[in-house]
Amino acid sequence: MKKKTIFSAIALAASAVTFNVTAEEKKLTLMLDWFVNPNHGPIVIAKERGYFKEEGITVNVQEPADPSTPPKLVAANKVDLAISYQPNLTIDVAAGLPLIRSATLVATPLNTLTVLKGKVNNLSELKGKKIGIAIAGNEEATIGTMLNTHNVDYKDVEIINVGWALSSSLASGKVDAIWGGFRNFESNQLALEGYDAKAFFPEEHGVPTYDELVFVANAKTHDKEAIKAFNRALEKATTYIVNHPQQSWKEFVAYSPDTLNNELNKRAWNDTLTRFALRPSAVDHKRYDDYAQFMYDQKIIETLPKAVDYIPNFN
């Protein structure tokens, strides 16, 4: 009878431990920057392979109705995390939004100034030409800097807002170049339509390099331990993708076969593999400060934020 009582107590204690682990599982809401695409590979793989669950978190992934709102929703405590862009984060922090960078998703620039081969061969030939953009913002600083490396002034080109019809505007001749298309997508889309594109990279033409896609959290209310768990799961997923690129592609498209399993996404997947941050938590503060200085010098921001103030340690 005594042994039975002891065993019952042990079983009860074990049950209580199991209950506590389950009860303590943390929940995070993540707002993407756009609809799910290969840029989000590590997030999808972390969900599909159960890496988030292994780290004791559940992640609710949402797509934005308006791509400009995710960081604002984080600042307003409507979502826990959002995907943003390092340039945008710098602008938001300089403007006083309570945001921090919690991890990096894509660790290289993706934006390009894209032309059609044979029509424009170098940046100097864009003088007097039309450049299409998707969203008006800091294009003067970036495009202007790139053009200046080839002795062309920003006022010597005509900027046309073509919305998201970047590729079609270039292919139809409505514009001579486009800015805002990602190098892993735009050139592939044009190639599939029979056009041979040439991309000029900002980091090779006077613009400091930067992280294209980063995760942002609320500076005042973020859950540090939950973010650490998220980052560990993300790192596992990225390592898996790098080790098993083709198998991970199959698992990625299984997330939403009707929208993801197509030739454009497959090409973009292969072009994105080497750009994912292998250590999402790691950061080079000087790199962020250098880019912020560039934006300040170009008068995009009026105050100069320091990386140490909005990039805490999540290692």
C-alpha atoms as a PDB file:
ATOM      1  CA  MET A   1       0.000   0.000   0.000  1.00  0.00           C
ATOM      2  CA  LYS A   2       2.857   2.327   0.875  1.00  0.00           C
ATOM      3  CA  LYS A   3       4.643   1.594  -2.463  1.00  0.00           C
ATOM      4  CA  LYS A   4       1.428   2.231  -4.362  1.00  0.00           C
ATOM      5  CA  THR A   5       1.075   5.619  -2.662  1.00  0.00           C
ATOM      6  CA  ILE A   6       4.664   6.559  -3.545  1.00  0.00           C
ATOM      7  CA  PHE A   7       4.205   5.563  -7.209  1.00  0.00           C
ATOM      8  CA  SER A   8       0.951   7.527  -7.366  1.00  0.00           C
ATOM      9  CA  ALA A   9       2.712  10.607  -5.989  1.00  0.00           C
ATOM     10  CA  ILE A  10       5.487  10.271  -8.583  1.00  0.00           C
ATOM     11  CA  ALA A  11       2.954   9.892 -11.392  1.00  0.00           C
ATOM     12  CA  LEU A  12       1.064  12.937 -10.150  1.00  0.00           C
ATOM     13  CA  ALA A  13       4.256  14.989 -10.010  1.00  0.00           C
ATOM     14  CA  ALA A  14       5.222  13.936 -13.543  1.00  0.00           C
ATOM     15  CA  SER A  15       1.762  14.864 -14.748  1.00  0.00           C
ATOM     16  CA  ALA A  16       2.088  18.288 -13.136  1.00  0.00           C
ATOM     17  CA  VAL A  17       5.458  18.870 -14.831  1.00  0.00           C
ATOM     18  CA  THR A  18       3.990  17.944 -18.233  1.00  0.00           C
ATOM     19  CA  PHE A  19       1.065  20.281 -17.642  1.00  0.00           C
ATOM     20  CA  ASN A  20       3.360  23.150 -16.683  1.00  0.00           C
ATOM     21  CA  VAL A  21       5.535  22.720 -19.806  1.00  0.00           C
ATOM     22  CA  THR A  22       2.433  22.783 -21.998  1.00  0.00           C
ATOM     23  CA  ALA A  23       0.953  25.731 -20.120  1.00  0.00           C
ATOM     24  CA  GLU A  24       4.162  27.724 -20.452  1.00  0.00           C
ATOM     25  CA  GLU A  25       4.397  27.377 -24.242  1.00  0.00           C
ATOM     26  CA  LYS A  26       4.745  30.893 -25.593  1.00  0.00           C
ATOM     27  CA  LYS A  27       2.746  32.282 -28.501  1.00  0.00           C
ATOM     28  CA  LEU A  28       4.044  34.795 -31.025  1.00  0.00           C
ATOM     29  CA  THR A  29       2.217  36.539 -33.841  1.00  0.00           C
ATOM     30  CA  LEU A  30       4.409  37.288 -36.861  1.00  0.00           C
ATOM     31  CA  MET A  31       3.318  39.657 -39.621  1.00  0.00           C
ATOM     32  CA  LEU A  32       5.153  39.110 -42.905  1.00  0.00           C
ATOM     33  CA  ASP A  33       6.184  41.931 -45.212  1.00  0.00           C
ATOM     34  CA  TRP A  34       4.254  40.451 -48.144  1.00  0.00           C
ATOM     35  CA  PHE A  35       2.485  37.237 -49.125  1.00  0.00           C
ATOM     36  CA  VAL A  36       4.434  34.029 -48.460  1.00  0.00           C
ATOM     37  CA  ASN A  37       7.304  33.588 -50.931  1.00  0.00           C
ATOM     38  CA  PRO A  38      10.820  32.057 -51.017  1.00  0.00           C
ATOM     39  CA  ASN A  39      12.214  34.967 -48.982  1.00  0.00           C
ATOM     40  CA  HIS A  40      10.294  33.461 -46.061  1.00  0.00           C
ATOM     41  CA  GLY A  41      11.804  29.990 -46.471  1.00  0.00           C
ATOM     42  CA  PRO A  42      13.272  29.613 -42.953  1.00  0.00           C
ATOM     43  CA  ILE A  43       9.975  30.636 -41.335  1.00  0.00           C
ATOM     44  CA  VAL A  44       7.973  28.115 -43.335  1.00  0.00           C
ATOM     45  CA  ILE A  45      10.504  25.325 -42.792  1.00  0.00           C
ATOM     46  CA  ALA A  46      10.631  26.054 -39.052  1.00  0.00           C
ATOM     47  CA  LYS A  47       6.854  25.621 -38.936  1.00  0.00           C
ATOM     48  CA  GLU A  48       6.705  22.605 -41.229  1.00  0.00           C
ATOM     49  CA  ARG A  49       9.483  20.727 -39.422  1.00  0.00           C
ATOM     50  CA  GLY A  50       8.279  21.585 -35.933  1.00  0.00           C
ATOM     51  CA  TYR A  51      11.323  23.630 -34.925  1.00  0.00           C
ATOM     52  CA  PHE A  52       9.209  26.326 -33.287  1.00  0.00           C
ATOM     53  CA  LYS A  53       7.392  23.700 -31.248  1.00  0.00           C
ATOM     54  CA  GLU A  54      10.711  22.148 -30.212  1.00  0.00           C
ATOM     55  CA  GLU A  55      11.693  25.531 -28.801  1.00  0.00           C
ATOM     56  CA  GLY A  56       8.456  25.827 -26.843  1.00  0.00           C
ATOM     57  CA  ILE A  57       6.705  28.435 -28.975  1.00  0.00           C
ATOM     58  CA  THR A  58       3.809  28.575 -31.394  1.00  0.00           C
ATOM     59  CA  VAL A  59       4.020  31.123 -34.193  1.00  0.00           C
ATOM     60  CA  ASN A  60       0.947  32.519 -35.898  1.00  0.00           C
ATOM     61  CA  VAL A  61       2.078  33.751 -39.327  1.00  0.00           C
ATOM     62  CA  GLN A  62      -0.024  36.465 -40.954  1.00  0.00           C
ATOM     63  CA  GLU A  63       0.160  38.197 -44.335  1.00  0.00           C
ATOM     64  CA  PRO A  64      -0.412  41.971 -44.419  1.00  0.00           C
ATOM     65  CA  ALA A  65      -3.282  43.625 -46.247  1.00  0.00           C
ATOM     66  CA  ASP A  66      -0.973  46.634 -46.658  1.00  0.00           C
ATOM     67  CA  PRO A  67       2.814  45.994 -46.862  1.00  0.00           C
ATOM     68  CA  SER A  68       3.551  49.325 -45.171  1.00  0.00           C
ATOM     69  CA  THR A  69       1.755  48.478 -41.922  1.00  0.00           C
ATOM     70  CA  PRO A  70       3.612  45.528 -40.251  1.00  0.00           C
ATOM     71  CA  PRO A  71       6.199  47.613 -38.321  1.00  0.00           C
ATOM     72  CA  LYS A  72       3.469  50.041 -37.254  1.00  0.00           C
ATOM     73  CA  LEU A  73       1.419  47.127 -35.917  1.00  0.00           C
ATOM     74  CA  VAL A  74       4.409  46.018 -33.854  1.00  0.00           C
ATOM     75  CA  ALA A  75       4.865  49.546 -32.509  1.00  0.00           C
ATOM     76  CA  ALA A  76       1.167  49.583 -31.569  1.00  0.00           C
ATOM     77  CA  ASN A  77       1.408  46.166 -29.847  1.00  0.00           C
ATOM     78  CA  LYS A  78      -0.995  44.575 -32.340  1.00  0.00           C
ATOM     79  CA  VAL A  79       1.510  41.861 -33.339  1.00  0.00           C
ATOM     80  CA  ASP A  80       4.658  40.575 -31.624  1.00  0.00           C
ATOM     81  CA  LEU A  81       7.028  40.467 -34.592  1.00  0.00           C
ATOM     82  CA  ALA A  82       7.074  41.762 -38.145  1.00  0.00           C
ATOM     83  CA  ILE A  83       9.369  41.517 -41.118  1.00  0.00           C
ATOM     84  CA  SER A  84      10.752  44.867 -42.192  1.00  0.00           C
ATOM     85  CA  TYR A  85      13.757  46.196 -44.099  1.00  0.00           C
ATOM     86  CA  GLN A  86      16.905  47.612 -42.529  1.00  0.00           C
ATOM     87  CA  PRO A  87      16.498  50.978 -44.343  1.00  0.00           C
ATOM     88  CA  ASN A  88      12.867  51.221 -43.194  1.00  0.00           C
ATOM     89  CA  LEU A  89      13.790  50.238 -39.642  1.00  0.00           C
ATOM     90  CA  THR A  90      16.388  53.008 -39.557  1.00  0.00           C
ATOM     91  CA  ILE A  91      13.783  55.534 -40.717  1.00  0.00           C
ATOM     92  CA  ASP A  92      11.215  54.278 -38.190  1.00  0.00           C
ATOM     93  CA  VAL A  93      13.651  54.376 -35.261  1.00  0.00           C
ATOM     94  CA  ALA A  94      14.879  57.836 -36.252  1.00  0.00           C
ATOM     95  CA  ALA A  95      11.237  58.956 -36.283  1.00  0.00           C
ATOM     96  CA  GLY A  96      10.753  57.701 -32.726  1.00  0.00           C
ATOM     97  CA  LEU A  97       8.850  54.449 -33.240  1.00  0.00           C
ATOM     98  CA  PRO A  98       9.485  51.998 -30.358  1.00  0.00           C
ATOM     99  CA  LEU A  99      11.073  49.289 -32.501  1.00  0.00           C
ATOM    100  CA  ILE A 100      14.101  47.033 -32.175  1.00  0.00           C
ATOM    101  CA  ARG A 101      15.779  44.649 -34.589  1.00  0.00           C
ATOM    102  CA  SER A 102      15.450  41.117 -33.183  1.00  0.00           C
ATOM    103  CA  ALA A 103      16.962  39.031 -36.007  1.00  0.00           C
ATOM    104  CA  THR A 104      17.962  39.027 -39.660  1.00  0.00           C
ATOM    105  CA  LEU A 105      16.202  36.940 -42.301  1.00  0.00           C
ATOM    106  CA  VAL A 106      17.996  37.962 -45.513  1.00  0.00           C
ATOM    107  CA  ALA A 107      21.495  39.272 -44.828  1.00  0.00           C
ATOM    108  CA  THR A 108      22.288  40.919 -48.174  1.00  0.00           C
ATOM    109  CA  PRO A 109      20.617  43.623 -50.240  1.00  0.00           C
ATOM    110  CA  LEU A 110      18.027  42.348 -52.723  1.00  0.00           C
ATOM    111  CA  ASN A 111      16.992  45.613 -54.357  1.00  0.00           C
ATOM    112  CA  THR A 112      18.392  46.346 -57.799  1.00  0.00           C
ATOM    113  CA  LEU A 113      18.275  48.898 -60.575  1.00  0.00           C
ATOM    114  CA  THR A 114      17.262  46.641 -63.452  1.00  0.00           C
ATOM    115  CA  VAL A 115      17.419  47.256 -67.215  1.00  0.00           C
ATOM    116  CA  LEU A 116      17.066  45.167 -70.355  1.00  0.00           C
ATOM    117  CA  LYS A 117      20.334  44.024 -71.896  1.00  0.00           C
ATOM    118  CA  GLY A 118      21.119  45.682 -75.196  1.00  0.00           C
ATOM    119  CA  LYS A 119      19.032  48.751 -74.409  1.00  0.00           C
ATOM    120  CA  VAL A 120      21.070  49.999 -71.457  1.00  0.00           C
ATOM    121  CA  ASN A 121      24.554  48.651 -70.839  1.00  0.00           C
ATOM    122  CA  ASN A 122      25.778  50.842 -67.989  1.00  0.00           C
ATOM    123  CA  LEU A 123      24.429  53.430 -65.582  1.00  0.00           C
ATOM    124  CA  SER A 124      25.808  56.368 -67.580  1.00  0.00           C
ATOM    125  CA  GLU A 125      23.338  55.510 -70.357  1.00  0.00           C
ATOM    126  CA  LEU A 126      20.387  56.240 -68.069  1.00  0.00           C
ATOM    127  CA  LYS A 127      20.835  59.998 -68.486  1.00  0.00           C
ATOM    128  CA  GLY A 128      17.581  61.359 -69.905  1.00  0.00           C
ATOM    129  CA  LYS A 129      15.825  58.015 -69.354  1.00  0.00           C
ATOM    130  CA  LYS A 130      12.775  56.948 -67.333  1.00  0.00           C
ATOM    131  CA  ILE A 131      13.086  54.889 -64.146  1.00  0.00           C
ATOM    132  CA  GLY A 132      10.039  53.106 -62.742  1.00  0.00           C
ATOM    133  CA  ILE A 133       9.553  52.688 -59.003  1.00  0.00           C
ATOM    134  CA  ALA A 134       6.934  50.815 -56.962  1.00  0.00           C
ATOM    135  CA  ILE A 135       6.694  53.038 -53.890  1.00  0.00           C
ATOM    136  CA  ALA A 136       7.960  56.580 -53.468  1.00  0.00           C
ATOM    137  CA  GLY A 137      10.378  56.889 -50.553  1.00  0.00           C
ATOM    138  CA  ASN A 138      14.150  57.079 -50.321  1.00  0.00           C
ATOM    139  CA  GLU A 139      14.750  56.360 -54.004  1.00  0.00           C
ATOM    140  CA  GLU A 140      16.385  59.738 -54.610  1.00  0.00           C
ATOM    141  CA  ALA A 141      19.202  58.977 -52.175  1.00  0.00           C
ATOM    142  CA  THR A 142      19.814  55.450 -53.423  1.00  0.00           C
ATOM    143  CA  ILE A 143      19.269  55.895 -57.155  1.00  0.00           C
ATOM    144  CA  GLY A 144      21.017  59.264 -57.032  1.00  0.00           C
ATOM    145  CA  THR A 145      24.065  57.759 -55.332  1.00  0.00           C
ATOM    146  CA  MET A 146      24.224  54.935 -57.874  1.00  0.00           C
ATOM    147  CA  LEU A 147      23.916  57.314 -60.825  1.00  0.00           C
ATOM    148  CA  ASN A 148      26.549  59.647 -59.397  1.00  0.00           C
ATOM    149  CA  THR A 149      29.137  56.863 -59.599  1.00  0.00           C
ATOM    150  CA  HIS A 150      28.726  57.195 -63.382  1.00  0.00           C
ATOM    151  CA  ASN A 151      28.522  61.010 -63.486  1.00  0.00           C
ATOM    152  CA  VAL A 152      24.753  61.147 -63.937  1.00  0.00           C
ATOM    153  CA  ASP A 153      22.704  63.469 -61.735  1.00  0.00           C
ATOM    154  CA  TYR A 154      19.389  62.376 -60.238  1.00  0.00           C
ATOM    155  CA  LYS A 155      17.614  65.318 -61.897  1.00  0.00           C
ATOM    156  CA  ASP A 156      18.773  63.975 -65.269  1.00  0.00           C
ATOM    157  CA  VAL A 157      16.350  61.018 -65.057  1.00  0.00           C
ATOM    158  CA  GLU A 158      12.563  60.916 -64.905  1.00  0.00           C
ATOM    159  CA  ILE A 159      11.070  58.925 -62.019  1.00  0.00           C
ATOM    160  CA  ILE A 160       7.706  57.279 -62.745  1.00  0.00           C
ATOM    161  CA  ASN A 161       5.610  55.481 -60.132  1.00  0.00           C
ATOM    162  CA  VAL A 162       4.399  52.300 -61.849  1.00  0.00           C
ATOM    163  CA  GLY A 163       3.063  50.599 -58.725  1.00  0.00           C
ATOM    164  CA  TRP A 164       3.838  46.901 -58.578  1.00  0.00           C
ATOM    165  CA  ALA A 165       3.873  46.549 -62.382  1.00  0.00           C
ATOM    166  CA  LEU A 166       7.661  46.785 -62.423  1.00  0.00           C
ATOM    167  CA  SER A 167       8.538  43.958 -64.810  1.00  0.00           C
ATOM    168  CA  SER A 168       5.734  44.669 -67.266  1.00  0.00           C
ATOM    169  CA  SER A 169       6.600  48.380 -67.332  1.00  0.00           C
ATOM    170  CA  LEU A 170      10.196  47.561 -68.230  1.00  0.00           C
ATOM    171  CA  ALA A 171       9.268  44.889 -70.771  1.00  0.00           C
ATOM    172  CA  SER A 172       6.737  47.141 -72.522  1.00  0.00           C
ATOM    173  CA  GLY A 173       9.170  50.039 -72.798  1.00  0.00           C
ATOM    174  CA  LYS A 174       7.125  52.313 -70.568  1.00  0.00           C
ATOM    175  CA  VAL A 175      10.313  52.834 -68.565  1.00  0.00           C
ATOM    176  CA  ASP A 176      13.990  52.193 -69.297  1.00  0.00           C
ATOM    177  CA  ALA A 177      14.879  50.864 -65.846  1.00  0.00           C
ATOM    178  CA  ILE A 178      13.114  49.770 -62.684  1.00  0.00           C
ATOM    179  CA  TRP A 179      14.016  50.207 -59.032  1.00  0.00           C
ATOM    180  CA  GLY A 180      12.473  48.204 -56.198  1.00  0.00           C
ATOM    181  CA  GLY A 181      12.423  44.749 -57.746  1.00  0.00           C
ATOM    182  CA  PHE A 182      14.306  42.031 -55.890  1.00  0.00           C
ATOM    183  CA  ARG A 183      17.255  40.419 -57.647  1.00  0.00           C
ATOM    184  CA  ASN A 184      15.982  36.934 -56.844  1.00  0.00           C
ATOM    185  CA  PHE A 185      12.597  37.625 -58.447  1.00  0.00           C
ATOM    186  CA  GLU A 186      12.553  40.385 -61.067  1.00  0.00           C
ATOM    187  CA  SER A 187      15.260  39.022 -63.364  1.00  0.00           C
ATOM    188  CA  ASN A 188      13.715  35.554 -63.169  1.00  0.00           C
ATOM    189  CA  GLN A 189      10.258  36.854 -63.973  1.00  0.00           C
ATOM    190  CA  LEU A 190      11.576  38.763 -66.979  1.00  0.00           C
ATOM    191  CA  ALA A 191      13.512  35.694 -68.156  1.00  0.00           C
ATOM    192  CA  LEU A 192      10.365  33.563 -67.989  1.00  0.00           C
ATOM    193  CA  GLU A 193       8.671  36.156 -70.200  1.00  0.00           C
ATOM    194  CA  GLY A 194      11.522  36.014 -72.713  1.00  0.00           C
ATOM    195  CA  TYR A 195      13.490  39.107 -71.684  1.00  0.00           C
ATOM    196  CA  ASP A 196      17.180  39.244 -70.794  1.00  0.00           C
ATOM    197  CA  ALA A 197      17.664  41.556 -67.823  1.00  0.00           C
ATOM    198  CA  LYS A 198      20.744  43.168 -66.349  1.00  0.00           C
ATOM    199  CA  ALA A 199      20.812  44.210 -62.690  1.00  0.00           C
ATOM    200  CA  PHE A 200      22.939  46.927 -61.109  1.00  0.00           C
ATOM    201  CA  PHE A 201      23.501  46.323 -57.406  1.00  0.00           C
ATOM    202  CA  PRO A 202      23.397  49.340 -55.055  1.00  0.00           C
ATOM    203  CA  GLU A 203      26.172  47.958 -52.835  1.00  0.00           C
ATOM    204  CA  GLU A 204      28.463  47.941 -55.892  1.00  0.00           C
ATOM    205  CA  HIS A 205      27.623  51.532 -56.794  1.00  0.00           C
ATOM    206  CA  GLY A 206      28.246  53.688 -53.752  1.00  0.00           C
ATOM    207  CA  VAL A 207      25.492  52.544 -51.369  1.00  0.00           C
ATOM    208  CA  PRO A 208      26.564  50.901 -48.077  1.00  0.00           C
ATOM    209  CA  THR A 209      25.567  47.252 -47.815  1.00  0.00           C
ATOM    210  CA  TYR A 210      22.653  46.348 -45.550  1.00  0.00           C
ATOM    211  CA  ASP A 211      20.349  43.548 -44.408  1.00  0.00           C
ATOM    212  CA  GLU A 212      17.355  43.401 -46.748  1.00  0.00           C
ATOM    213  CA  LEU A 213      14.895  41.630 -44.451  1.00  0.00           C
ATOM    214  CA  VAL A 214      14.929  41.876 -40.668  1.00  0.00           C
ATOM    215  CA  PHE A 215      12.555  41.007 -37.852  1.00  0.00           C
ATOM    216  CA  VAL A 216      11.374  43.857 -35.649  1.00  0.00           C
ATOM    217  CA  ALA A 217       9.820  43.761 -32.182  1.00  0.00           C
ATOM    218  CA  ASN A 218       8.406  46.319 -29.776  1.00  0.00           C
ATOM    219  CA  ALA A 219      11.229  47.968 -27.835  1.00  0.00           C
ATOM    220  CA  LYS A 220       9.177  48.229 -24.637  1.00  0.00           C
ATOM    221  CA  THR A 221       7.050  45.083 -24.497  1.00  0.00           C
ATOM    222  CA  HIS A 222       8.940  42.335 -26.356  1.00  0.00           C
ATOM    223  CA  ASP A 223       9.364  38.897 -24.780  1.00  0.00           C
ATOM    224  CA  LYS A 224      13.123  38.343 -24.821  1.00  0.00           C
ATOM    225  CA  GLU A 225      13.005  34.603 -24.096  1.00  0.00           C
ATOM    226  CA  ALA A 226      10.331  33.982 -26.730  1.00  0.00           C
ATOM    227  CA  ILE A 227      12.409  35.864 -29.300  1.00  0.00           C
ATOM    228  CA  LYS A 228      15.495  33.838 -28.385  1.00  0.00           C
ATOM    229  CA  ALA A 229      13.481  30.655 -28.929  1.00  0.00           C
ATOM    230  CA  PHE A 230      12.190  31.998 -32.252  1.00  0.00           C
ATOM    231  CA  ASN A 231      15.722  32.784 -33.392  1.00  0.00           C
ATOM    232  CA  ARG A 232      17.013  29.332 -32.424  1.00  0.00           C
ATOM    233  CA  ALA A 233      14.251  27.704 -34.465  1.00  0.00           C
ATOM    234  CA  LEU A 234      14.988  30.021 -37.377  1.00  0.00           C
ATOM    235  CA  GLU A 235      18.674  29.084 -37.274  1.00  0.00           C
ATOM    236  CA  LYS A 236      17.809  25.369 -37.300  1.00  0.00           C
ATOM    237  CA  ALA A 237      15.571  25.906 -40.321  1.00  0.00           C
ATOM    238  CA  THR A 238      18.193  27.907 -42.211  1.00  0.00           C
ATOM    239  CA  THR A 239      20.832  25.257 -41.559  1.00  0.00           C
ATOM    240  CA  TYR A 240      18.438  22.595 -42.826  1.00  0.00           C
ATOM    241  CA  ILE A 241      17.733  24.594 -45.995  1.00  0.00           C
ATOM    242  CA  VAL A 242      21.439  25.045 -46.723  1.00  0.00           C
ATOM    243  CA  ASN A 243      22.151  21.358 -46.095  1.00  0.00           C
ATOM    244  CA  HIS A 244      19.126  20.086 -48.036  1.00  0.00           C
ATOM    245  CA  PRO A 245      18.142  22.744 -50.604  1.00  0.00           C
ATOM    246  CA  GLN A 246      16.025  20.546 -52.871  1.00  0.00           C
ATOM    247  CA  GLN A 247      14.286  18.597 -50.118  1.00  0.00           C
ATOM    248  CA  SER A 248      13.553  21.820 -48.267  1.00  0.00           C
ATOM    249  CA  TRP A 249      12.079  23.263 -51.488  1.00  0.00           C
ATOM    250  CA  LYS A 250       9.592  20.376 -51.553  1.00  0.00           C
ATOM    251  CA  GLU A 251       8.702  20.980 -47.920  1.00  0.00           C
ATOM    252  CA  PHE A 252       8.398  24.713 -48.553  1.00  0.00           C
ATOM    253  CA  VAL A 253       5.899  24.379 -51.416  1.00  0.00           C
ATOM    254  CA  ALA A 254       3.901  21.833 -49.406  1.00  0.00           C
ATOM    255  CA  TYR A 255       2.960  24.748 -47.133  1.00  0.00           C
ATOM    256  CA  SER A 256       0.719  26.140 -49.902  1.00  0.00           C
ATOM    257  CA  PRO A 257       1.108  24.152 -53.162  1.00  0.00           C
ATOM    258  CA  ASP A 258      -1.408  26.150 -55.202  1.00  0.00           C
ATOM    259  CA  THR A 259       0.424  29.449 -54.718  1.00  0.00           C
ATOM    260  CA  LEU A 260       4.047  28.415 -54.139  1.00  0.00           C
ATOM    261  CA  ASN A 261       4.731  25.531 -56.522  1.00  0.00           C
ATOM    262  CA  ASN A 262       5.641  27.342 -59.736  1.00  0.00           C
ATOM    263  CA  GLU A 263       8.731  27.979 -61.858  1.00  0.00           C
ATOM    264  CA  LEU A 264       9.240  31.572 -60.715  1.00  0.00           C
ATOM    265  CA  ASN A 265       9.317  30.583 -57.054  1.00  0.00           C
ATOM    266  CA  LYS A 266      11.607  27.635 -57.771  1.00  0.00           C
ATOM    267  CA  ARG A 267      14.130  29.901 -59.493  1.00  0.00           C
ATOM    268  CA  ALA A 268      13.802  32.483 -56.747  1.00  0.00           C
ATOM    269  CA  TRP A 269      14.319  29.771 -54.120  1.00  0.00           C
ATOM    270  CA  ASN A 270      17.626  28.742 -55.669  1.00  0.00           C
ATOM    271  CA  ASP A 271      18.754  32.371 -55.912  1.00  0.00           C
ATOM    272  CA  THR A 272      17.855  33.086 -52.283  1.00  0.00           C
ATOM    273  CA  LEU A 273      19.589  30.139 -50.595  1.00  0.00           C
ATOM    274  CA  THR A 274      22.926  31.894 -50.137  1.00  0.00           C
ATOM    275  CA  ARG A 275      21.319  35.076 -48.831  1.00  0.00           C
ATOM    276  CA  PHE A 276      19.572  33.746 -45.733  1.00  0.00           C
ATOM    277  CA  ALA A 277      21.226  34.750 -42.461  1.00  0.00           C
ATOM    278  CA  LEU A 278      22.963  31.634 -41.131  1.00  0.00           C
ATOM    279  CA  ARG A 279      23.049  33.192 -37.655  1.00  0.00           C
ATOM    280  CA  PRO A 280      19.838  35.243 -37.428  1.00  0.00           C
ATOM    281  CA  SER A 281      20.687  36.708 -34.012  1.00  0.00           C
ATOM    282  CA  ALA A 282      24.181  37.853 -34.994  1.00  0.00           C
ATOM    283  CA  VAL A 283      24.659  41.488 -35.963  1.00  0.00           C
ATOM    284  CA  ASP A 284      27.369  43.903 -37.044  1.00  0.00           C
ATOM    285  CA  HIS A 285      26.540  47.175 -35.297  1.00  0.00           C
ATOM    286  CA  LYS A 286      28.995  49.144 -37.418  1.00  0.00           C
ATOM    287  CA  ARG A 287      27.242  47.999 -40.576  1.00  0.00           C
ATOM    288  CA  TYR A 288      23.964  49.385 -39.236  1.00  0.00           C
ATOM    289  CA  ASP A 289      25.629  52.606 -38.117  1.00  0.00           C
ATOM    290  CA  ASP A 290      27.299  53.050 -41.507  1.00  0.00           C
ATOM    291  CA  TYR A 291      23.978  52.717 -43.304  1.00  0.00           C
ATOM    292  CA  ALA A 292      22.281  55.084 -40.859  1.00  0.00           C
ATOM    293  CA  GLN A 293      25.060  57.612 -41.490  1.00  0.00           C
ATOM    294  CA  PHE A 294      24.434  57.286 -45.236  1.00  0.00           C
ATOM    295  CA  MET A 295      20.729  57.985 -44.737  1.00  0.00           C
ATOM    296  CA  TYR A 296      21.528  60.925 -42.480  1.00  0.00           C
ATOM    297  CA  ASP A 297      24.002  62.381 -44.973  1.00  0.00           C
ATOM    298  CA  GLN A 298      21.387  62.000 -47.706  1.00  0.00           C
ATOM    299  CA  LYS A 299      18.862  63.837 -45.503  1.00  0.00           C
ATOM    300  CA  ILE A 300      16.476  60.873 -45.399  1.00  0.00           C
ATOM    301  CA  ILE A 301      16.523  61.010 -41.599  1.00  0.00           C
ATOM    302  CA  GLU A 302      16.924  64.060 -39.354  1.00  0.00           C
ATOM    303  CA  THR A 303      18.333  62.267 -36.310  1.00  0.00           C
ATOM    304  CA  LEU A 304      21.100  59.672 -36.301  1.00  0.00           C
ATOM    305  CA  PRO A 305      20.169  56.531 -34.319  1.00  0.00           C
ATOM    306  CA  LYS A 306      22.899  54.342 -32.858  1.00  0.00           C
ATOM    307  CA  ALA A 307      22.673  50.605 -33.470  1.00  0.00           C
ATOM    308  CA  VAL A 308      23.357  49.745 -29.824  1.00  0.00           C
ATOM    309  CA  ASP A 309      20.155  51.564 -28.871  1.00  0.00           C
ATOM    310  CA  TYR A 310      17.806  49.534 -31.081  1.00  0.00           C
ATOM    311  CA  ILE A 311      19.636  46.234 -31.546  1.00  0.00           C
ATOM    312  CA  PRO A 312      19.752  44.362 -28.229  1.00  0.00           C
ATOM    313  CA  ASN A 313      21.566  41.068 -27.743  1.00  0.00           C
ATOM    314  CA  PHE A 314      19.366  38.023 -28.363  1.00  0.00           C
ATOM    315  CA  ASN A 315      22.155  35.424 -28.397  1.00  0.00           C
END
